[in-house]
């Protein structure tokens, strides 16, 4: 993913929800089979451009401040 036109003093953090098994889900017995984790796929933030590598089968939330 690449976002352009962002401010120079940009701070980025993120959370990701992912699992290697596309059918994985939480149950009453396995309450944390799939859980949010810190996202470390931000590859570059410079000159108003943010680049990130998104994992397959994931949901990523980025916070830009």
PDB file of N, CA and C in Angstrom:
ATOM      1  N   UNK A   1       0.850  -1.155   0.000  1.00  0.00           N
ATOM      2  CA  UNK A   1       0.000   0.000   0.000  1.00  0.00           C
ATOM      3  C   UNK A   1       0.898   1.221   0.000  1.00  0.00           C
ATOM      4  N   UNK A   2       0.502   2.263  -0.734  1.00  0.00           N
ATOM      5  CA  UNK A   2       1.258   3.507  -0.763  1.00  0.00           C
ATOM      6  C   UNK A   2       0.278   4.673  -0.671  1.00  0.00           C
ATOM      7  N   UNK A   3       0.480   5.543   0.303  1.00  0.00           N
ATOM      8  CA  UNK A   3      -0.323   6.758   0.456  1.00  0.00           C
ATOM      9  C   UNK A   3       0.571   7.955   0.198  1.00  0.00           C
ATOM     10  N   UNK A   4       0.097   8.889  -0.616  1.00  0.00           N
ATOM     11  CA  UNK A   4       0.885  10.088  -0.928  1.00  0.00           C
ATOM     12  C   UNK A   4       0.160  11.333  -0.458  1.00  0.00           C
ATOM     13  N   UNK A   5       0.902  12.442  -0.361  1.00  0.00           N
ATOM     14  CA  UNK A   5       0.311  13.724  -0.006  1.00  0.00           C
ATOM     15  C   UNK A   5       0.115  13.913   1.481  1.00  0.00           C
ATOM     16  N   UNK A   6       0.865  13.192   2.285  1.00  0.00           N
ATOM     17  CA  UNK A   6       0.741  13.288   3.735  1.00  0.00           C
ATOM     18  C   UNK A   6       1.729  14.317   4.269  1.00  0.00           C
ATOM     19  N   UNK A   7       1.467  14.820   5.455  1.00  0.00           N
ATOM     20  CA  UNK A   7       2.350  15.805   6.069  1.00  0.00           C
ATOM     21  C   UNK A   7       3.721  15.233   6.401  1.00  0.00           C
ATOM     22  N   UNK A   8       4.694  16.112   6.527  1.00  0.00           N
ATOM     23  CA  UNK A   8       6.071  15.677   6.793  1.00  0.00           C
ATOM     24  C   UNK A   8       6.279  15.209   8.229  1.00  0.00           C
ATOM     25  N   UNK A   9       5.534  15.733   9.185  1.00  0.00           N
ATOM     26  CA  UNK A   9       5.702  15.364  10.594  1.00  0.00           C
ATOM     27  C   UNK A   9       4.759  14.227  10.981  1.00  0.00           C
ATOM     28  N   UNK A  10       4.532  13.328  10.085  1.00  0.00           N
ATOM     29  CA  UNK A  10       3.570  12.254  10.278  1.00  0.00           C
ATOM     30  C   UNK A  10       4.108  11.179  11.221  1.00  0.00           C
ATOM     31  N   UNK A  11       3.271  10.790  12.168  1.00  0.00           N
ATOM     32  CA  UNK A  11       3.563   9.656  13.046  1.00  0.00           C
ATOM     33  C   UNK A  11       2.531   8.577  12.723  1.00  0.00           C
ATOM     34  N   UNK A  12       2.999   7.363  12.545  1.00  0.00           N
ATOM     35  CA  UNK A  12       2.123   6.263  12.136  1.00  0.00           C
ATOM     36  C   UNK A  12       2.262   5.101  13.115  1.00  0.00           C
ATOM     37  N   UNK A  13       1.130   4.576  13.530  1.00  0.00           N
ATOM     38  CA  UNK A  13       1.113   3.341  14.311  1.00  0.00           C
ATOM     39  C   UNK A  13       0.006   2.467  13.738  1.00  0.00           C
ATOM     40  N   UNK A  14       0.041   1.201  14.064  1.00  0.00           N
ATOM     41  CA  UNK A  14      -0.972   0.328  13.493  1.00  0.00           C
ATOM     42  C   UNK A  14      -1.191  -0.941  14.285  1.00  0.00           C
ATOM     43  N   UNK A  15      -2.336  -1.560  14.015  1.00  0.00           N
ATOM     44  CA  UNK A  15      -2.713  -2.851  14.599  1.00  0.00           C
ATOM     45  C   UNK A  15      -3.157  -3.734  13.435  1.00  0.00           C
ATOM     46  N   UNK A  16      -2.920  -5.019  13.573  1.00  0.00           N
ATOM     47  CA  UNK A  16      -3.288  -5.961  12.523  1.00  0.00           C
ATOM     48  C   UNK A  16      -4.021  -7.143  13.148  1.00  0.00           C
ATOM     49  N   UNK A  17      -5.008  -7.627  12.421  1.00  0.00           N
ATOM     50  CA  UNK A  17      -5.742  -8.837  12.790  1.00  0.00           C
ATOM     51  C   UNK A  17      -5.472  -9.837  11.670  1.00  0.00           C
ATOM     52  N   UNK A  18      -4.769 -10.932  11.996  1.00  0.00           N
ATOM     53  CA  UNK A  18      -4.389 -11.895  10.954  1.00  0.00           C
ATOM     54  C   UNK A  18      -4.237 -13.287  11.544  1.00  0.00           C
ATOM     55  N   UNK A  19      -4.263 -14.264  10.648  1.00  0.00           N
ATOM     56  CA  UNK A  19      -4.018 -15.660  11.022  1.00  0.00           C
ATOM     57  C   UNK A  19      -3.635 -16.397   9.745  1.00  0.00           C
ATOM     58  N   UNK A  20      -2.781 -17.388   9.848  1.00  0.00           N
ATOM     59  CA  UNK A  20      -2.355 -18.157   8.676  1.00  0.00           C
ATOM     60  C   UNK A  20      -3.506 -18.957   8.064  1.00  0.00           C
ATOM     61  N   UNK A  21      -4.472 -19.348   8.887  1.00  0.00           N
ATOM     62  CA  UNK A  21      -5.635 -20.108   8.427  1.00  0.00           C
ATOM     63  C   UNK A  21      -6.784 -19.143   8.164  1.00  0.00           C
ATOM     64  N   UNK A  22      -7.218 -19.051   6.912  1.00  0.00           N
ATOM     65  CA  UNK A  22      -8.284 -18.115   6.548  1.00  0.00           C
ATOM     66  C   UNK A  22      -9.586 -18.400   7.294  1.00  0.00           C
ATOM     67  N   UNK A  23      -9.794 -19.630   7.733  1.00  0.00           N
ATOM     68  CA  UNK A  23     -11.022 -19.996   8.437  1.00  0.00           C
ATOM     69  C   UNK A  23     -10.892 -19.917   9.955  1.00  0.00           C
ATOM     70  N   UNK A  24      -9.776 -19.416  10.447  1.00  0.00           N
ATOM     71  CA  UNK A  24      -9.572 -19.313  11.898  1.00  0.00           C
ATOM     72  C   UNK A  24     -10.571 -18.325  12.496  1.00  0.00           C
ATOM     73  N   UNK A  25     -11.014 -18.631  13.688  1.00  0.00           N
ATOM     74  CA  UNK A  25     -11.946 -17.747  14.393  1.00  0.00           C
ATOM     75  C   UNK A  25     -11.889 -18.062  15.887  1.00  0.00           C
ATOM     76  N   UNK A  26     -12.339 -17.131  16.667  1.00  0.00           N
ATOM     77  CA  UNK A  26     -12.377 -17.318  18.118  1.00  0.00           C
ATOM     78  C   UNK A  26     -13.627 -18.103  18.505  1.00  0.00           C
ATOM     79  N   UNK A  27     -13.479 -18.901  19.551  1.00  0.00           N
ATOM     80  CA  UNK A  27     -14.602 -19.657  20.103  1.00  0.00           C
ATOM     81  C   UNK A  27     -14.593 -19.465  21.616  1.00  0.00           C
ATOM     82  N   UNK A  28     -15.575 -20.022  22.287  1.00  0.00           N
ATOM     83  CA  UNK A  28     -15.586 -19.962  23.746  1.00  0.00           C
ATOM     84  C   UNK A  28     -14.401 -20.737  24.324  1.00  0.00           C
ATOM     85  N   UNK A  29     -13.984 -21.797  23.630  1.00  0.00           N
ATOM     86  CA  UNK A  29     -12.849 -22.598  24.100  1.00  0.00           C
ATOM     87  C   UNK A  29     -11.512 -21.954  23.740  1.00  0.00           C
ATOM     88  N   UNK A  30     -11.430 -21.346  22.573  1.00  0.00           N
ATOM     89  CA  UNK A  30     -10.202 -20.684  22.106  1.00  0.00           C
ATOM     90  C   UNK A  30     -10.509 -19.206  21.886  1.00  0.00           C
ATOM     91  N   UNK A  31     -10.443 -18.456  22.952  1.00  0.00           N
ATOM     92  CA  UNK A  31     -10.858 -17.046  22.890  1.00  0.00           C
ATOM     93  C   UNK A  31      -9.825 -16.133  22.244  1.00  0.00           C
ATOM     94  N   UNK A  32      -8.602 -16.610  22.066  1.00  0.00           N
ATOM     95  CA  UNK A  32      -7.571 -15.758  21.481  1.00  0.00           C
ATOM     96  C   UNK A  32      -6.892 -16.413  20.285  1.00  0.00           C
ATOM     97  N   UNK A  33      -7.634 -17.209  19.531  1.00  0.00           N
ATOM     98  CA  UNK A  33      -7.076 -17.815  18.322  1.00  0.00           C
ATOM     99  C   UNK A  33      -6.693 -16.726  17.317  1.00  0.00           C
ATOM    100  N   UNK A  34      -7.527 -15.717  17.209  1.00  0.00           N
ATOM    101  CA  UNK A  34      -7.258 -14.557  16.355  1.00  0.00           C
ATOM    102  C   UNK A  34      -7.371 -13.329  17.241  1.00  0.00           C
ATOM    103  N   UNK A  35      -6.288 -12.575  17.343  1.00  0.00           N
ATOM    104  CA  UNK A  35      -6.319 -11.390  18.203  1.00  0.00           C
ATOM    105  C   UNK A  35      -5.480 -10.275  17.585  1.00  0.00           C
ATOM    106  N   UNK A  36      -5.819  -9.025  17.882  1.00  0.00           N
ATOM    107  CA  UNK A  36      -5.051  -7.896  17.345  1.00  0.00           C
ATOM    108  C   UNK A  36      -3.608  -7.924  17.844  1.00  0.00           C
ATOM    109  N   UNK A  37      -2.714  -7.510  16.957  1.00  0.00           N
ATOM    110  CA  UNK A  37      -1.292  -7.408  17.279  1.00  0.00           C
ATOM    111  C   UNK A  37      -0.778  -6.071  16.760  1.00  0.00           C
ATOM    112  N   UNK A  38       0.387  -5.677  17.247  1.00  0.00           N
ATOM    113  CA  UNK A  38       1.014  -4.472  16.716  1.00  0.00           C
ATOM    114  C   UNK A  38       1.396  -4.733  15.264  1.00  0.00           C
ATOM    115  N   UNK A  39       1.197  -3.749  14.402  1.00  0.00           N
ATOM    116  CA  UNK A  39       1.530  -3.878  12.984  1.00  0.00           C
ATOM    117  C   UNK A  39       2.922  -3.321  12.747  1.00  0.00           C
ATOM    118  N   UNK A  40       3.810  -4.150  12.200  1.00  0.00           N
ATOM    119  CA  UNK A  40       5.178  -3.709  11.943  1.00  0.00           C
ATOM    120  C   UNK A  40       5.513  -3.689  10.452  1.00  0.00           C
ATOM    121  N   UNK A  41       4.502  -3.597   9.604  1.00  0.00           N
ATOM    122  CA  UNK A  41       4.714  -3.632   8.162  1.00  0.00           C
ATOM    123  C   UNK A  41       4.926  -2.288   7.505  1.00  0.00           C
ATOM    124  N   UNK A  42       5.071  -1.226   8.303  1.00  0.00           N
ATOM    125  CA  UNK A  42       5.315   0.092   7.724  1.00  0.00           C
ATOM    126  C   UNK A  42       6.762   0.116   7.256  1.00  0.00           C
ATOM    127  N   UNK A  43       6.955   0.254   5.946  1.00  0.00           N
ATOM    128  CA  UNK A  43       8.294   0.147   5.378  1.00  0.00           C
ATOM    129  C   UNK A  43       8.973   1.487   5.168  1.00  0.00           C
ATOM    130  N   UNK A  44       8.198   2.560   5.009  1.00  0.00           N
ATOM    131  CA  UNK A  44       8.815   3.857   4.757  1.00  0.00           C
ATOM    132  C   UNK A  44       7.810   4.971   5.006  1.00  0.00           C
ATOM    133  N   UNK A  45       8.258   6.024   5.671  1.00  0.00           N
ATOM    134  CA  UNK A  45       7.471   7.242   5.832  1.00  0.00           C
ATOM    135  C   UNK A  45       8.438   8.392   5.591  1.00  0.00           C
ATOM    136  N   UNK A  46       8.355   8.990   4.403  1.00  0.00           N
ATOM    137  CA  UNK A  46       9.236  10.115   4.102  1.00  0.00           C
ATOM    138  C   UNK A  46       8.655  10.935   2.966  1.00  0.00           C
ATOM    139  N   UNK A  47       8.929  12.226   2.997  1.00  0.00           N
ATOM    140  CA  UNK A  47       8.521  13.158   1.940  1.00  0.00           C
ATOM    141  C   UNK A  47       7.048  13.033   1.590  1.00  0.00           C
ATOM    142  N   UNK A  48       6.211  12.868   2.591  1.00  0.00           N
ATOM    143  CA  UNK A  48       4.770  12.816   2.375  1.00  0.00           C
ATOM    144  C   UNK A  48       4.246  11.518   1.799  1.00  0.00           C
ATOM    145  N   UNK A  49       5.062  10.457   1.818  1.00  0.00           N
ATOM    146  CA  UNK A  49       4.645   9.158   1.279  1.00  0.00           C
ATOM    147  C   UNK A  49       4.767   8.101   2.376  1.00  0.00           C
ATOM    148  N   UNK A  50       3.710   7.331   2.559  1.00  0.00           N
ATOM    149  CA  UNK A  50       3.696   6.215   3.508  1.00  0.00           C
ATOM    150  C   UNK A  50       3.618   4.922   2.711  1.00  0.00           C
ATOM    151  N   UNK A  51       4.522   3.999   2.985  1.00  0.00           N
ATOM    152  CA  UNK A  51       4.490   2.692   2.330  1.00  0.00           C
ATOM    153  C   UNK A  51       4.381   1.614   3.397  1.00  0.00           C
ATOM    154  N   UNK A  52       3.521   0.628   3.147  1.00  0.00           N
ATOM    155  CA  UNK A  52       3.327  -0.459   4.104  1.00  0.00           C
ATOM    156  C   UNK A  52       3.082  -1.760   3.351  1.00  0.00           C
ATOM    157  N   UNK A  53       3.607  -2.844   3.894  1.00  0.00           N
ATOM    158  CA  UNK A  53       3.384  -4.180   3.343  1.00  0.00           C
ATOM    159  C   UNK A  53       2.278  -4.841   4.161  1.00  0.00           C
ATOM    160  N   UNK A  54       1.133  -5.073   3.526  1.00  0.00           N
ATOM    161  CA  UNK A  54      -0.016  -5.650   4.221  1.00  0.00           C
ATOM    162  C   UNK A  54       0.013  -7.170   4.103  1.00  0.00           C
ATOM    163  N   UNK A  55      -0.130  -7.883   5.216  1.00  0.00           N
ATOM    164  CA  UNK A  55      -0.127  -9.346   5.169  1.00  0.00           C
ATOM    165  C   UNK A  55      -1.376  -9.875   4.461  1.00  0.00           C
ATOM    166  N   UNK A  56      -1.268 -11.048   3.828  1.00  0.00           N
ATOM    167  CA  UNK A  56      -2.460 -11.644   3.223  1.00  0.00           C
ATOM    168  C   UNK A  56      -3.472 -12.012   4.306  1.00  0.00           C
ATOM    169  N   UNK A  57      -4.738 -11.998   3.939  1.00  0.00           N
ATOM    170  CA  UNK A  57      -5.838 -12.390   4.837  1.00  0.00           C
ATOM    171  C   UNK A  57      -5.793 -11.618   6.148  1.00  0.00           C
ATOM    172  N   UNK A  58      -5.673 -10.309   6.063  1.00  0.00           N
ATOM    173  CA  UNK A  58      -5.553  -9.501   7.279  1.00  0.00           C
ATOM    174  C   UNK A  58      -6.445  -8.270   7.211  1.00  0.00           C
ATOM    175  N   UNK A  59      -6.656  -7.691   8.367  1.00  0.00           N
ATOM    176  CA  UNK A  59      -7.295  -6.385   8.492  1.00  0.00           C
ATOM    177  C   UNK A  59      -6.289  -5.514   9.236  1.00  0.00           C
ATOM    178  N   UNK A  60      -5.938  -4.374   8.636  1.00  0.00           N
ATOM    179  CA  UNK A  60      -4.949  -3.479   9.230  1.00  0.00           C
ATOM    180  C   UNK A  60      -5.601  -2.132   9.499  1.00  0.00           C
ATOM    181  N   UNK A  61      -5.367  -1.603  10.687  1.00  0.00           N
ATOM    182  CA  UNK A  61      -5.835  -0.266  11.047  1.00  0.00           C
ATOM    183  C   UNK A  61      -4.599   0.580  11.309  1.00  0.00           C
ATOM    184  N   UNK A  62      -4.444   1.658  10.534  1.00  0.00           N
ATOM    185  CA  UNK A  62      -3.334   2.581  10.727  1.00  0.00           C
ATOM    186  C   UNK A  62      -3.855   3.853  11.368  1.00  0.00           C
ATOM    187  N   UNK A  63      -3.113   4.370  12.319  1.00  0.00           N
ATOM    188  CA  UNK A  63      -3.439   5.641  12.954  1.00  0.00           C
ATOM    189  C   UNK A  63      -2.387   6.648  12.530  1.00  0.00           C
ATOM    190  N   UNK A  64      -2.828   7.707  11.858  1.00  0.00           N
ATOM    191  CA  UNK A  64      -1.927   8.757  11.383  1.00  0.00           C
ATOM    192  C   UNK A  64      -2.137   9.988  12.243  1.00  0.00           C
ATOM    193  N   UNK A  65      -1.076  10.480  12.866  1.00  0.00           N
ATOM    194  CA  UNK A  65      -1.182  11.684  13.692  1.00  0.00           C
ATOM    195  C   UNK A  65      -0.097  12.656  13.314  1.00  0.00           C
TER     196      UNK A  65
END
